[in-house]
Protein backbone atom coordinates (compact mmCIF):
# COMPACT_ATOMS: atom_id res chain seq x y z
CA MET A 1 -4.21 -3.97 -2.03
CA ILE A 2 -1.90 -6.80 -0.88
CA TYR A 3 0.13 -6.58 2.23
CA ALA A 4 3.28 -8.64 2.57
CA GLY A 5 5.49 -9.65 5.54
CA ALA A 6 5.20 -7.60 8.65
CA LEU A 7 2.80 -5.18 6.94
CA ARG A 8 0.24 -8.08 6.77
CA GLU A 9 0.51 -8.35 10.57
CA LEU A 10 0.25 -4.61 11.08
CA ALA A 11 -2.79 -4.49 8.87
CA GLY A 12 -4.38 -7.51 10.42
CA VAL A 13 -5.33 -8.85 6.96
CA ALA A 14 -3.49 -10.08 3.88
CA GLU A 15 -5.59 -8.01 1.41
CA ASP A 16 -8.13 -5.13 0.99
CA VAL A 17 -10.29 -4.26 -1.87
CA LEU A 18 -10.83 -0.52 -2.09
CA TYR A 19 -13.26 1.32 -4.41
CA LEU A 20 -11.89 4.69 -5.46
CA PRO A 21 -14.16 7.69 -5.83
CA GLY A 22 -13.85 9.04 -9.32
CA GLY A 23 -12.05 5.81 -10.26
CA GLU A 24 -8.57 6.95 -9.33
CA VAL A 25 -6.43 8.44 -6.52
CA GLY A 26 -2.88 9.49 -6.01
CA LEU A 27 -0.61 6.94 -4.36
CA GLY A 28 0.05 9.19 -1.29
CA GLU A 29 -3.67 9.63 -0.76
CA LEU A 30 -4.16 5.87 -1.06
CA LEU A 31 -1.64 5.23 1.61
CA ARG A 32 -3.37 7.83 3.86
CA ARG A 33 -6.69 6.08 3.32
CA LEU A 34 -5.18 2.71 4.17
CA VAL A 35 -3.91 4.03 7.54
CA ALA A 36 -7.43 5.32 8.29
CA LEU A 37 -8.82 1.86 7.36
CA ARG A 38 -6.13 -0.11 9.07
CA PRO A 39 -4.70 1.92 11.99
CA GLY A 40 -1.97 -0.68 12.58
CA LEU A 41 -0.36 0.56 9.35
CA ALA A 42 0.40 3.95 11.02
CA LEU A 43 3.94 2.67 11.73
CA ALA A 44 4.41 1.79 8.08
CA GLU A 45 3.34 5.32 7.12
CA ARG A 46 6.07 6.80 9.30
CA VAL A 47 8.63 4.68 7.41
CA SER A 48 6.94 4.91 4.06
CA PRO A 49 10.11 6.09 2.16
CA MET A 50 11.52 2.65 3.00
CA LEU A 51 8.49 0.70 1.79
CA TRP A 52 8.57 -1.20 -1.43
CA VAL A 53 5.47 -0.40 -3.46
CA PHE A 54 4.42 -2.14 -6.66
CA VAL A 55 1.46 -1.03 -8.85
CA ASN A 56 0.48 -3.68 -11.32
CA GLY A 57 3.85 -5.38 -10.87
CA ARG A 58 5.84 -2.15 -11.50
CA GLN A 59 7.96 -0.80 -8.59
CA VAL A 60 7.26 2.74 -7.59
CA LEU A 61 8.33 5.00 -4.81
CA PRO A 62 5.73 5.89 -2.16
CA THR A 63 6.41 9.54 -2.90
CA ASP A 64 5.80 9.18 -6.67
CA SER A 65 2.97 11.03 -8.24
CA VAL A 66 1.48 7.74 -9.52
CA LYS A 67 -2.30 7.46 -9.94
CA VAL A 68 -3.90 4.20 -8.75
CA ARG A 69 -7.07 3.30 -10.64
CA ASP A 70 -9.93 0.89 -9.84
CA GLY A 71 -8.78 -2.58 -10.83
CA ASP A 72 -5.11 -1.91 -10.20
CA THR A 73 -3.21 -4.29 -7.93
CA VAL A 74 -0.98 -2.56 -5.26
CA LEU A 75 1.48 -4.59 -3.25
CA LEU A 76 3.09 -3.06 -0.13
CA MET A 77 6.20 -4.82 1.08
CA PRO A 78 8.66 -3.98 3.82
CA PRO A 79 12.31 -3.84 2.84
CA LEU A 80 14.14 -7.17 3.14
CA TYR A 81 10.92 -9.14 2.84
CA GLU A 82 11.54 -12.88 2.63
CA GLY A 83 8.48 -14.84 1.45
CA GLY A 84 5.30 -15.58 3.35
């Protein structure tokens, strides 16, 4: 899990490594777990339709029924992110 821009500040870290029970989890469940782990991300959860989410370099919507598996790279990015 990689946090970009303001999400990095909200999370308080640049990255997290999560181990998924059963080896996979739905994207929505993953986002809920991140808020539990990093409470500062609660604001991001409220605006999640506006977040840019990439799973293994492929952009997906936060509401997509994508499964995230152990070993996948997930990048969360606020809209209009500019470097950093």
